[in-house]
N, C-alpha and C. Protein backbone atom coordinates (compact mmCIF):
# COMPACT_ATOMS: atom_id res chain seq x y z
N MET A 1 -21.82 -37.65 1.74
CA MET A 1 -20.78 -36.95 2.47
C MET A 1 -20.14 -35.86 1.60
N MET A 2 -19.87 -36.20 0.35
CA MET A 2 -19.24 -35.25 -0.57
C MET A 2 -20.19 -34.08 -0.85
N LYS A 3 -21.50 -34.36 -0.95
CA LYS A 3 -22.47 -33.32 -1.22
C LYS A 3 -22.52 -32.29 -0.09
N SER A 4 -22.48 -32.77 1.13
CA SER A 4 -22.54 -31.84 2.27
C SER A 4 -21.26 -31.01 2.36
N ALA A 5 -20.13 -31.58 1.99
CA ALA A 5 -18.88 -30.82 2.00
C ALA A 5 -18.90 -29.72 0.96
N ILE A 6 -19.42 -30.04 -0.23
CA ILE A 6 -19.53 -29.05 -1.30
C ILE A 6 -20.51 -27.96 -0.90
N SER A 7 -21.64 -28.36 -0.30
CA SER A 7 -22.63 -27.39 0.16
C SER A 7 -22.03 -26.46 1.21
N GLY A 8 -21.25 -27.02 2.12
CA GLY A 8 -20.61 -26.22 3.16
C GLY A 8 -19.63 -25.22 2.58
N LEU A 9 -18.83 -25.66 1.59
CA LEU A 9 -17.88 -24.76 0.94
C LEU A 9 -18.59 -23.65 0.17
N LEU A 10 -19.68 -24.00 -0.50
CA LEU A 10 -20.45 -23.02 -1.23
C LEU A 10 -21.05 -21.97 -0.29
N LEU A 11 -21.59 -22.44 0.83
CA LEU A 11 -22.16 -21.53 1.81
C LEU A 11 -21.07 -20.61 2.39
N ALA A 12 -19.92 -21.15 2.69
CA ALA A 12 -18.82 -20.35 3.22
C ALA A 12 -18.37 -19.30 2.21
N ALA A 13 -18.33 -19.67 0.93
CA ALA A 13 -17.93 -18.72 -0.11
C ALA A 13 -18.95 -17.59 -0.24
N LEU A 14 -20.23 -17.93 -0.17
CA LEU A 14 -21.27 -16.91 -0.25
C LEU A 14 -21.21 -15.95 0.93
N LEU A 15 -20.97 -16.48 2.11
CA LEU A 15 -20.88 -15.64 3.30
C LEU A 15 -19.66 -14.73 3.26
N ALA A 16 -18.59 -15.20 2.66
CA ALA A 16 -17.37 -14.40 2.56
C ALA A 16 -17.53 -13.26 1.56
N VAL A 17 -18.33 -13.45 0.52
CA VAL A 17 -18.52 -12.44 -0.52
C VAL A 17 -19.53 -11.37 -0.08
N ALA A 18 -20.53 -11.73 0.71
CA ALA A 18 -21.59 -10.80 1.09
C ALA A 18 -21.07 -9.54 1.79
N PRO A 19 -20.18 -9.63 2.78
CA PRO A 19 -19.69 -8.40 3.41
C PRO A 19 -18.91 -7.51 2.45
N ALA A 20 -18.17 -8.10 1.53
CA ALA A 20 -17.40 -7.30 0.58
C ALA A 20 -18.35 -6.52 -0.33
N GLU A 21 -19.44 -7.13 -0.73
CA GLU A 21 -20.40 -6.45 -1.58
C GLU A 21 -21.07 -5.31 -0.83
N ALA A 22 -21.39 -5.51 0.43
CA ALA A 22 -22.05 -4.48 1.22
C ALA A 22 -21.12 -3.27 1.42
N GLN A 23 -19.83 -3.49 1.49
CA GLN A 23 -18.89 -2.41 1.72
C GLN A 23 -18.68 -1.55 0.48
N THR A 24 -19.01 -2.06 -0.70
CA THR A 24 -18.81 -1.28 -1.91
C THR A 24 -19.95 -0.29 -2.13
N LYS A 25 -21.05 -0.45 -1.44
CA LYS A 25 -22.19 0.45 -1.55
C LYS A 25 -21.82 1.79 -0.92
N GLU A 26 -22.04 2.88 -1.66
CA GLU A 26 -21.70 4.20 -1.14
C GLU A 26 -22.66 4.60 -0.03
N PRO A 27 -22.15 5.16 1.07
CA PRO A 27 -23.03 5.59 2.16
C PRO A 27 -23.82 6.84 1.76
N ALA A 28 -25.00 6.95 2.34
CA ALA A 28 -25.80 8.16 2.10
C ALA A 28 -25.14 9.33 2.82
N VAL A 29 -24.94 10.41 2.11
CA VAL A 29 -24.29 11.59 2.68
C VAL A 29 -25.12 12.83 2.33
N PRO A 30 -24.95 13.90 3.10
CA PRO A 30 -25.65 15.15 2.77
C PRO A 30 -25.22 15.66 1.40
N PRO A 31 -26.10 16.38 0.71
CA PRO A 31 -25.75 16.92 -0.62
C PRO A 31 -24.64 17.96 -0.55
N GLN A 32 -24.03 18.21 -1.69
CA GLN A 32 -22.90 19.15 -1.79
C GLN A 32 -23.26 20.56 -1.29
N ASN A 33 -24.50 20.99 -1.54
CA ASN A 33 -24.89 22.36 -1.18
C ASN A 33 -25.47 22.47 0.23
N SER A 34 -25.19 21.48 1.07
CA SER A 34 -25.70 21.49 2.45
C SER A 34 -24.98 22.52 3.30
N LEU A 35 -25.68 22.98 4.32
CA LEU A 35 -25.04 23.80 5.34
C LEU A 35 -24.09 22.92 6.13
N LYS A 36 -23.10 23.52 6.75
CA LYS A 36 -22.24 22.76 7.65
C LYS A 36 -23.07 22.34 8.85
N LEU A 37 -22.76 21.18 9.39
CA LEU A 37 -23.49 20.68 10.54
C LEU A 37 -23.38 21.66 11.71
N SER A 38 -22.25 22.30 11.85
CA SER A 38 -22.08 23.28 12.94
C SER A 38 -23.05 24.45 12.79
N ALA A 39 -23.36 24.86 11.56
CA ALA A 39 -24.33 25.94 11.33
C ALA A 39 -25.74 25.49 11.69
N ILE A 40 -26.05 24.25 11.38
CA ILE A 40 -27.37 23.69 11.73
C ILE A 40 -27.51 23.61 13.25
N ILE A 41 -26.46 23.15 13.90
CA ILE A 41 -26.49 23.06 15.37
C ILE A 41 -26.66 24.45 15.98
N ALA A 42 -25.96 25.43 15.44
CA ALA A 42 -26.07 26.81 15.95
C ALA A 42 -27.51 27.32 15.84
N LYS A 43 -28.20 26.98 14.74
CA LYS A 43 -29.60 27.40 14.58
C LYS A 43 -30.48 26.75 15.64
N ILE A 44 -30.24 25.48 15.89
CA ILE A 44 -31.04 24.76 16.89
C ILE A 44 -30.79 25.33 18.28
N GLU A 45 -29.55 25.66 18.57
CA GLU A 45 -29.21 26.22 19.88
C GLU A 45 -29.86 27.57 20.14
N GLN A 46 -30.30 28.26 19.11
CA GLN A 46 -30.95 29.56 19.27
C GLN A 46 -32.46 29.44 19.52
N ARG A 47 -33.00 28.24 19.49
CA ARG A 47 -34.44 28.05 19.73
C ARG A 47 -34.79 28.39 21.18
N ASP A 48 -36.05 28.81 21.38
CA ASP A 48 -36.54 29.14 22.73
C ASP A 48 -36.38 27.95 23.67
N GLN A 49 -35.92 28.21 24.86
CA GLN A 49 -35.77 27.25 25.95
C GLN A 49 -34.83 26.08 25.61
N PHE A 50 -33.99 26.24 24.60
CA PHE A 50 -33.03 25.18 24.27
C PHE A 50 -32.12 24.91 25.47
N HIS A 51 -31.88 23.60 25.73
CA HIS A 51 -30.97 23.23 26.81
C HIS A 51 -29.77 22.45 26.27
N TYR A 52 -30.02 21.30 25.61
CA TYR A 52 -28.90 20.54 25.02
C TYR A 52 -29.39 19.59 23.94
N ILE A 53 -28.46 19.25 23.02
CA ILE A 53 -28.75 18.28 21.96
C ILE A 53 -28.37 16.90 22.47
N SER A 54 -29.26 15.97 22.29
CA SER A 54 -29.05 14.59 22.72
C SER A 54 -28.50 13.72 21.58
N GLU A 55 -29.09 13.89 20.38
CA GLU A 55 -28.69 13.05 19.23
C GLU A 55 -28.81 13.83 17.93
N ILE A 56 -27.92 13.52 16.99
CA ILE A 56 -28.04 13.98 15.62
C ILE A 56 -27.64 12.80 14.74
N ASP A 57 -28.54 12.43 13.84
CA ASP A 57 -28.28 11.33 12.91
C ASP A 57 -28.59 11.79 11.49
N TRP A 58 -27.79 11.35 10.54
CA TRP A 58 -28.10 11.59 9.14
C TRP A 58 -28.95 10.43 8.65
N GLU A 59 -30.10 10.73 8.10
CA GLU A 59 -30.99 9.70 7.57
C GLU A 59 -30.82 9.62 6.06
N SER A 60 -30.81 8.40 5.54
CA SER A 60 -30.60 8.20 4.11
C SER A 60 -31.71 8.81 3.26
N GLU A 61 -32.83 9.16 3.86
CA GLU A 61 -33.91 9.81 3.13
C GLU A 61 -33.60 11.28 2.84
N GLY A 62 -32.50 11.80 3.40
CA GLY A 62 -32.05 13.14 3.05
C GLY A 62 -32.30 14.22 4.08
N TYR A 63 -32.23 13.89 5.35
CA TYR A 63 -32.40 14.90 6.39
C TYR A 63 -31.64 14.50 7.65
N TYR A 64 -31.42 15.51 8.52
CA TYR A 64 -30.85 15.23 9.84
C TYR A 64 -32.00 14.98 10.81
N ASP A 65 -31.89 13.95 11.60
CA ASP A 65 -32.85 13.66 12.65
C ASP A 65 -32.21 14.14 13.95
N VAL A 66 -32.79 15.17 14.57
CA VAL A 66 -32.21 15.80 15.74
C VAL A 66 -33.13 15.63 16.94
N VAL A 67 -32.53 15.25 18.06
CA VAL A 67 -33.27 15.16 19.32
C VAL A 67 -32.58 16.11 20.30
N TYR A 68 -33.38 17.02 20.86
CA TYR A 68 -32.82 17.93 21.86
C TYR A 68 -33.82 18.10 23.00
N TYR A 69 -33.32 18.67 24.09
CA TYR A 69 -34.16 18.90 25.27
C TYR A 69 -34.22 20.38 25.57
N THR A 70 -35.35 20.81 26.11
CA THR A 70 -35.54 22.20 26.50
C THR A 70 -35.23 22.36 27.98
N SER A 71 -35.18 23.60 28.43
CA SER A 71 -34.86 23.87 29.83
C SER A 71 -35.93 23.33 30.79
N ASP A 72 -37.15 23.10 30.29
CA ASP A 72 -38.19 22.49 31.14
C ASP A 72 -38.25 20.97 30.96
N LYS A 73 -37.17 20.39 30.41
CA LYS A 73 -36.96 18.95 30.27
C LYS A 73 -37.86 18.28 29.22
N ALA A 74 -38.41 19.06 28.31
CA ALA A 74 -39.21 18.50 27.23
C ALA A 74 -38.29 17.96 26.14
N LYS A 75 -38.62 16.79 25.62
CA LYS A 75 -37.85 16.19 24.53
C LYS A 75 -38.45 16.66 23.21
N VAL A 76 -37.58 17.16 22.30
CA VAL A 76 -38.03 17.65 21.01
C VAL A 76 -37.30 16.85 19.93
N GLU A 77 -38.07 16.28 19.00
CA GLU A 77 -37.50 15.53 17.88
C GLU A 77 -37.89 16.26 16.60
N ILE A 78 -36.89 16.65 15.82
CA ILE A 78 -37.18 17.35 14.56
C ILE A 78 -36.32 16.78 13.43
N LYS A 79 -36.86 16.91 12.24
CA LYS A 79 -36.14 16.53 11.02
C LYS A 79 -35.70 17.84 10.36
N ILE A 80 -34.41 17.97 10.11
CA ILE A 80 -33.85 19.22 9.59
C ILE A 80 -33.38 19.03 8.15
N ASP A 81 -33.82 19.91 7.28
CA ASP A 81 -33.37 19.91 5.89
C ASP A 81 -31.90 20.35 5.86
N PRO A 82 -31.01 19.59 5.22
CA PRO A 82 -29.59 19.93 5.26
C PRO A 82 -29.22 21.18 4.46
N VAL A 83 -30.03 21.55 3.48
CA VAL A 83 -29.72 22.71 2.64
C VAL A 83 -30.19 24.01 3.29
N SER A 84 -31.42 24.01 3.79
CA SER A 84 -31.97 25.24 4.39
C SER A 84 -31.69 25.36 5.89
N GLY A 85 -31.49 24.23 6.56
CA GLY A 85 -31.32 24.24 8.00
C GLY A 85 -32.62 24.39 8.74
N GLU A 86 -33.72 24.35 8.02
CA GLU A 86 -35.05 24.51 8.61
C GLU A 86 -35.72 23.15 8.82
N PRO A 87 -36.67 23.08 9.76
CA PRO A 87 -37.40 21.82 9.98
C PRO A 87 -38.18 21.42 8.73
N ARG A 88 -38.23 20.12 8.49
CA ARG A 88 -39.03 19.58 7.38
C ARG A 88 -40.44 19.33 7.88
N MET A 89 -41.38 19.54 7.03
CA MET A 89 -42.78 19.28 7.39
C MET A 89 -43.19 17.90 6.96
């Protein structure tokens, strides 16, 4: 009985510490020399047959993942370099 109580307390302590450790990890952010997101969006909006942006996500690998639709309802997914604002190959 005492062993299971100690095991339960140990497990509870480990679970309480795990979220605190995860919160201390710095989030992935665009580099200092990145273009403003508004400038990147403006470039995308100038593409042929652009209609609207559906999603923009920052990926920890170092690029913006952008999903937009064209006026003929085609879905376009591109990875944008944050410094140049150009698609990554």
